[in-house]
Amino acid sequence: MQAKNDGPTDPAPGGERRHKKRAAVLWTGSLECGGQVADCILLNVGARGAMVRMAVPFERSLPVTLHSYHFGNLTGRVVWQDGNAIGVQFEESPEQVIETLGRALPELAAA
């Protein structure tokens, strides 16, 4: 997978402006929210968050846990939603996330 450096983006009003590297991926996973678990596809992932596609997206501001065979679990919050795509901002520090993702995406750790 190739990491890319995203320029400033504002996916939702008041959203974060991103300058961190993200890796484009096509990984299956699941997203858990309030006892509900839904299958998802991770489209990209980085030290601060991920873009996820779901059949029925969870609402903005909800706390979630992202599960993937590739890295295990990361907790976060839905920060934007556009159609079936959502943005998840991780609660763990960027350093912790990179350590968690490091085995699956060594290019993020090298960035």
N, C-alpha and C. Protein backbone atom coordinates (compact mmCIF):
# COMPACT_ATOMS: atom_id res chain seq x y z
N MET A 1 0.83 -1.16 0.00
CA MET A 1 0.00 0.00 0.00
C MET A 1 0.89 1.23 0.00
N GLN A 2 0.43 2.27 -0.64
CA GLN A 2 1.23 3.46 -0.76
C GLN A 2 0.69 4.56 0.13
N ALA A 3 1.57 5.17 0.92
CA ALA A 3 1.15 6.30 1.75
C ALA A 3 1.14 7.54 0.89
N LYS A 4 0.18 8.41 1.16
CA LYS A 4 0.14 9.66 0.44
C LYS A 4 0.05 10.79 1.44
N ASN A 5 0.56 11.94 1.06
CA ASN A 5 0.52 13.10 1.92
C ASN A 5 -0.66 13.95 1.50
N ASP A 6 -1.68 13.98 2.34
CA ASP A 6 -2.86 14.76 2.03
C ASP A 6 -2.61 16.21 2.38
N GLY A 7 -3.03 17.09 1.49
CA GLY A 7 -2.99 18.51 1.77
C GLY A 7 -4.14 18.86 2.69
N PRO A 8 -4.30 20.13 2.96
CA PRO A 8 -5.40 20.52 3.84
C PRO A 8 -6.74 20.12 3.24
N THR A 9 -7.55 19.50 4.03
CA THR A 9 -8.90 19.16 3.61
C THR A 9 -9.85 19.56 4.71
N ASP A 10 -11.08 19.77 4.36
CA ASP A 10 -12.10 20.10 5.34
C ASP A 10 -13.34 19.31 4.96
N PRO A 11 -13.41 18.00 5.32
CA PRO A 11 -14.49 17.15 4.87
C PRO A 11 -15.85 17.52 5.43
N ALA A 12 -15.88 18.25 6.52
CA ALA A 12 -17.14 18.65 7.12
C ALA A 12 -16.94 20.02 7.76
N PRO A 13 -17.99 20.80 7.85
CA PRO A 13 -17.84 22.10 8.51
C PRO A 13 -17.22 21.92 9.90
N GLY A 14 -16.18 22.68 10.16
CA GLY A 14 -15.50 22.58 11.45
C GLY A 14 -14.58 21.38 11.56
N GLY A 15 -14.40 20.61 10.48
CA GLY A 15 -13.56 19.41 10.50
C GLY A 15 -12.09 19.76 10.60
N GLU A 16 -11.28 18.75 10.89
CA GLU A 16 -9.86 18.99 11.02
C GLU A 16 -9.22 19.20 9.66
N ARG A 17 -8.14 19.95 9.62
CA ARG A 17 -7.35 20.10 8.40
C ARG A 17 -6.19 19.13 8.53
N ARG A 18 -6.06 18.29 7.53
CA ARG A 18 -5.15 17.16 7.62
C ARG A 18 -3.84 17.44 6.88
N HIS A 19 -2.72 17.19 7.56
CA HIS A 19 -1.40 17.31 6.95
C HIS A 19 -0.57 16.06 7.22
N LYS A 20 -1.18 15.02 7.71
CA LYS A 20 -0.47 13.79 8.04
C LYS A 20 -0.61 12.79 6.89
N LYS A 21 0.33 11.86 6.84
CA LYS A 21 0.27 10.83 5.81
C LYS A 21 -0.84 9.84 6.08
N ARG A 22 -1.46 9.40 5.02
CA ARG A 22 -2.47 8.35 5.06
C ARG A 22 -2.07 7.31 4.05
N ALA A 23 -2.43 6.07 4.33
CA ALA A 23 -2.17 4.98 3.40
C ALA A 23 -3.50 4.56 2.77
N ALA A 24 -3.53 4.50 1.46
CA ALA A 24 -4.71 3.99 0.77
C ALA A 24 -4.74 2.48 0.95
N VAL A 25 -5.86 1.96 1.44
CA VAL A 25 -6.01 0.53 1.68
C VAL A 25 -7.39 0.10 1.19
N LEU A 26 -7.57 -1.16 1.02
CA LEU A 26 -8.89 -1.76 0.79
C LEU A 26 -8.98 -2.97 1.70
N TRP A 27 -9.25 -2.70 2.97
CA TRP A 27 -9.29 -3.73 3.99
C TRP A 27 -10.72 -3.90 4.49
N THR A 28 -11.11 -5.13 4.71
CA THR A 28 -12.39 -5.37 5.36
C THR A 28 -12.21 -5.22 6.87
N GLY A 29 -13.27 -4.87 7.52
CA GLY A 29 -13.24 -4.71 8.96
C GLY A 29 -14.65 -4.60 9.48
N SER A 30 -14.76 -4.15 10.71
CA SER A 30 -16.07 -3.89 11.29
C SER A 30 -15.97 -2.68 12.20
N LEU A 31 -17.09 -2.03 12.36
CA LEU A 31 -17.18 -0.86 13.21
C LEU A 31 -18.24 -1.15 14.26
N GLU A 32 -17.88 -0.95 15.52
CA GLU A 32 -18.79 -1.19 16.63
C GLU A 32 -19.20 0.13 17.25
N CYS A 33 -20.50 0.26 17.50
CA CYS A 33 -21.03 1.50 18.08
C CYS A 33 -22.26 1.16 18.91
N GLY A 34 -22.20 1.44 20.20
CA GLY A 34 -23.35 1.23 21.06
C GLY A 34 -23.89 -0.19 21.04
N GLY A 35 -23.02 -1.17 20.96
CA GLY A 35 -23.44 -2.57 20.95
C GLY A 35 -23.78 -3.10 19.57
N GLN A 36 -23.87 -2.24 18.57
CA GLN A 36 -24.11 -2.68 17.19
C GLN A 36 -22.77 -2.84 16.49
N VAL A 37 -22.66 -3.89 15.68
CA VAL A 37 -21.45 -4.13 14.89
C VAL A 37 -21.86 -4.22 13.44
N ALA A 38 -21.14 -3.45 12.59
CA ALA A 38 -21.44 -3.43 11.15
C ALA A 38 -20.16 -3.66 10.36
N ASP A 39 -20.27 -4.44 9.29
CA ASP A 39 -19.14 -4.64 8.39
C ASP A 39 -18.80 -3.33 7.70
N CYS A 40 -17.52 -3.16 7.37
CA CYS A 40 -17.09 -1.95 6.68
C CYS A 40 -15.88 -2.26 5.81
N ILE A 41 -15.54 -1.29 4.99
CA ILE A 41 -14.32 -1.35 4.18
C ILE A 41 -13.50 -0.12 4.52
N LEU A 42 -12.27 -0.32 4.94
CA LEU A 42 -11.36 0.79 5.21
C LEU A 42 -10.79 1.24 3.87
N LEU A 43 -10.92 2.53 3.58
CA LEU A 43 -10.41 3.09 2.33
C LEU A 43 -9.05 3.73 2.50
N ASN A 44 -8.83 4.38 3.63
CA ASN A 44 -7.51 4.89 3.95
C ASN A 44 -7.38 4.99 5.46
N VAL A 45 -6.14 5.00 5.91
CA VAL A 45 -5.89 5.03 7.35
C VAL A 45 -4.59 5.77 7.60
N GLY A 46 -4.55 6.50 8.70
CA GLY A 46 -3.36 7.24 9.08
C GLY A 46 -3.27 7.35 10.59
N ALA A 47 -2.33 8.15 11.06
CA ALA A 47 -2.06 8.27 12.49
C ALA A 47 -3.21 8.89 13.27
N ARG A 48 -4.04 9.68 12.61
CA ARG A 48 -5.11 10.37 13.32
C ARG A 48 -6.50 9.84 13.02
N GLY A 49 -6.63 9.03 11.93
CA GLY A 49 -7.96 8.56 11.62
C GLY A 49 -8.03 7.71 10.38
N ALA A 50 -9.27 7.40 9.98
CA ALA A 50 -9.50 6.53 8.83
C ALA A 50 -10.76 6.96 8.09
N MET A 51 -10.78 6.65 6.79
CA MET A 51 -11.99 6.79 6.01
C MET A 51 -12.55 5.40 5.80
N VAL A 52 -13.84 5.24 6.09
CA VAL A 52 -14.49 3.94 6.11
C VAL A 52 -15.77 4.01 5.29
N ARG A 53 -16.05 2.97 4.53
CA ARG A 53 -17.31 2.87 3.79
C ARG A 53 -18.16 1.79 4.44
N MET A 54 -19.46 2.11 4.64
CA MET A 54 -20.40 1.19 5.29
C MET A 54 -21.71 1.20 4.52
N ALA A 55 -22.47 0.12 4.62
CA ALA A 55 -23.79 0.08 3.98
C ALA A 55 -24.72 1.11 4.61
N VAL A 56 -24.73 1.17 5.93
CA VAL A 56 -25.55 2.16 6.66
C VAL A 56 -24.62 2.83 7.67
N PRO A 57 -24.12 4.02 7.34
CA PRO A 57 -23.13 4.67 8.21
C PRO A 57 -23.70 5.07 9.57
N PHE A 58 -22.82 5.04 10.58
CA PHE A 58 -23.17 5.56 11.89
C PHE A 58 -23.18 7.08 11.84
N GLU A 59 -23.94 7.69 12.73
CA GLU A 59 -24.07 9.13 12.76
C GLU A 59 -22.82 9.82 13.29
N ARG A 60 -22.68 11.06 12.90
CA ARG A 60 -21.57 11.89 13.33
C ARG A 60 -21.58 12.06 14.85
N SER A 61 -20.40 12.15 15.43
CA SER A 61 -20.14 12.37 16.86
C SER A 61 -20.23 11.10 17.71
N LEU A 62 -20.68 9.99 17.14
CA LEU A 62 -20.80 8.77 17.94
C LEU A 62 -19.43 8.14 18.19
N PRO A 63 -19.20 7.62 19.41
CA PRO A 63 -17.97 6.88 19.67
C PRO A 63 -18.05 5.51 19.01
N VAL A 64 -16.92 5.07 18.44
CA VAL A 64 -16.87 3.80 17.72
C VAL A 64 -15.57 3.07 18.04
N THR A 65 -15.57 1.77 17.77
CA THR A 65 -14.35 0.97 17.79
C THR A 65 -14.21 0.33 16.43
N LEU A 66 -13.07 0.57 15.79
CA LEU A 66 -12.77 0.01 14.48
C LEU A 66 -11.97 -1.27 14.67
N HIS A 67 -12.47 -2.37 14.11
CA HIS A 67 -11.81 -3.67 14.22
C HIS A 67 -11.29 -4.07 12.84
N SER A 68 -10.05 -4.55 12.79
CA SER A 68 -9.48 -5.06 11.54
C SER A 68 -8.50 -6.18 11.83
N TYR A 69 -8.53 -7.18 10.99
CA TYR A 69 -7.57 -8.28 11.08
C TYR A 69 -6.15 -7.75 10.97
N HIS A 70 -5.97 -6.66 10.24
CA HIS A 70 -4.64 -6.13 9.95
C HIS A 70 -3.97 -5.46 11.14
N PHE A 71 -4.77 -4.90 12.07
CA PHE A 71 -4.15 -4.18 13.20
C PHE A 71 -4.83 -4.39 14.54
N GLY A 72 -5.98 -5.00 14.57
CA GLY A 72 -6.68 -5.18 15.85
C GLY A 72 -7.77 -4.15 16.01
N ASN A 73 -7.74 -3.40 17.12
CA ASN A 73 -8.80 -2.44 17.44
C ASN A 73 -8.24 -1.05 17.66
N LEU A 74 -8.98 -0.05 17.20
CA LEU A 74 -8.69 1.35 17.49
C LEU A 74 -10.01 2.03 17.83
N THR A 75 -10.00 2.86 18.86
CA THR A 75 -11.21 3.58 19.25
C THR A 75 -11.19 4.98 18.66
N GLY A 76 -12.37 5.52 18.45
CA GLY A 76 -12.45 6.86 17.89
C GLY A 76 -13.87 7.39 17.92
N ARG A 77 -14.09 8.39 17.07
CA ARG A 77 -15.37 9.07 16.98
C ARG A 77 -15.63 9.40 15.53
N VAL A 78 -16.88 9.27 15.10
CA VAL A 78 -17.27 9.66 13.74
C VAL A 78 -17.25 11.19 13.68
N VAL A 79 -16.41 11.75 12.78
CA VAL A 79 -16.29 13.20 12.70
C VAL A 79 -16.93 13.78 11.44
N TRP A 80 -17.20 12.94 10.45
CA TRP A 80 -17.95 13.40 9.27
C TRP A 80 -18.59 12.21 8.59
N GLN A 81 -19.60 12.50 7.79
CA GLN A 81 -20.32 11.46 7.04
C GLN A 81 -20.74 12.06 5.72
N ASP A 82 -20.48 11.33 4.62
CA ASP A 82 -20.86 11.75 3.28
C ASP A 82 -21.34 10.52 2.53
N GLY A 83 -22.64 10.38 2.38
CA GLY A 83 -23.19 9.17 1.77
C GLY A 83 -22.86 7.98 2.63
N ASN A 84 -22.24 6.97 2.04
CA ASN A 84 -21.87 5.76 2.78
C ASN A 84 -20.46 5.82 3.35
N ALA A 85 -19.78 6.94 3.20
CA ALA A 85 -18.43 7.09 3.73
C ALA A 85 -18.47 7.90 5.02
N ILE A 86 -17.63 7.49 5.97
CA ILE A 86 -17.49 8.24 7.22
C ILE A 86 -16.02 8.44 7.53
N GLY A 87 -15.75 9.48 8.30
CA GLY A 87 -14.41 9.72 8.81
C GLY A 87 -14.38 9.41 10.29
N VAL A 88 -13.40 8.61 10.69
CA VAL A 88 -13.23 8.26 12.10
C VAL A 88 -11.94 8.92 12.58
N GLN A 89 -12.05 9.73 13.62
CA GLN A 89 -10.87 10.33 14.24
C GLN A 89 -10.52 9.46 15.44
N PHE A 90 -9.27 8.96 15.49
CA PHE A 90 -8.86 8.07 16.56
C PHE A 90 -8.67 8.82 17.87
N GLU A 91 -8.96 8.15 18.98
CA GLU A 91 -8.75 8.71 20.31
C GLU A 91 -7.32 8.48 20.79
N GLU A 92 -6.71 7.41 20.35
CA GLU A 92 -5.32 7.13 20.73
C GLU A 92 -4.41 8.21 20.15
N SER A 93 -3.26 8.40 20.78
CA SER A 93 -2.30 9.38 20.27
C SER A 93 -1.78 8.91 18.91
N PRO A 94 -1.33 9.84 18.06
CA PRO A 94 -0.77 9.43 16.76
C PRO A 94 0.38 8.43 16.91
N GLU A 95 1.17 8.59 17.95
CA GLU A 95 2.28 7.66 18.17
C GLU A 95 1.77 6.25 18.47
N GLN A 96 0.72 6.15 19.30
CA GLN A 96 0.13 4.84 19.61
C GLN A 96 -0.48 4.22 18.36
N VAL A 97 -1.16 5.02 17.55
CA VAL A 97 -1.79 4.50 16.34
C VAL A 97 -0.73 4.00 15.37
N ILE A 98 0.34 4.76 15.19
CA ILE A 98 1.41 4.33 14.27
C ILE A 98 2.04 3.04 14.78
N GLU A 99 2.21 2.92 16.08
CA GLU A 99 2.74 1.67 16.64
C GLU A 99 1.78 0.52 16.35
N THR A 100 0.48 0.76 16.49
CA THR A 100 -0.53 -0.27 16.23
C THR A 100 -0.56 -0.64 14.75
N LEU A 101 -0.46 0.35 13.87
CA LEU A 101 -0.52 0.11 12.43
C LEU A 101 0.81 -0.32 11.84
N GLY A 102 1.89 -0.14 12.58
CA GLY A 102 3.24 -0.33 12.06
C GLY A 102 3.52 -1.65 11.37
N ARG A 103 3.00 -2.73 11.91
CA ARG A 103 3.26 -4.04 11.29
C ARG A 103 2.56 -4.16 9.95
N ALA A 104 1.37 -3.60 9.83
CA ALA A 104 0.60 -3.70 8.59
C ALA A 104 1.00 -2.63 7.59
N LEU A 105 1.44 -1.47 8.08
CA LEU A 105 1.77 -0.34 7.21
C LEU A 105 3.10 0.30 7.65
N PRO A 106 4.21 -0.37 7.40
CA PRO A 106 5.49 0.17 7.87
C PRO A 106 5.82 1.53 7.26
N GLU A 107 5.23 1.86 6.10
CA GLU A 107 5.53 3.16 5.48
C GLU A 107 5.01 4.33 6.32
N LEU A 108 3.99 4.11 7.14
CA LEU A 108 3.51 5.17 8.02
C LEU A 108 4.51 5.43 9.14
N ALA A 109 5.10 4.38 9.66
CA ALA A 109 6.08 4.52 10.73
C ALA A 109 7.34 5.22 10.23
N ALA A 110 7.65 5.05 8.95
CA ALA A 110 8.85 5.65 8.38
C ALA A 110 8.63 7.11 7.98
N ALA A 111 7.38 7.56 7.99
CA ALA A 111 7.07 8.93 7.53
C ALA A 111 7.50 9.97 8.52
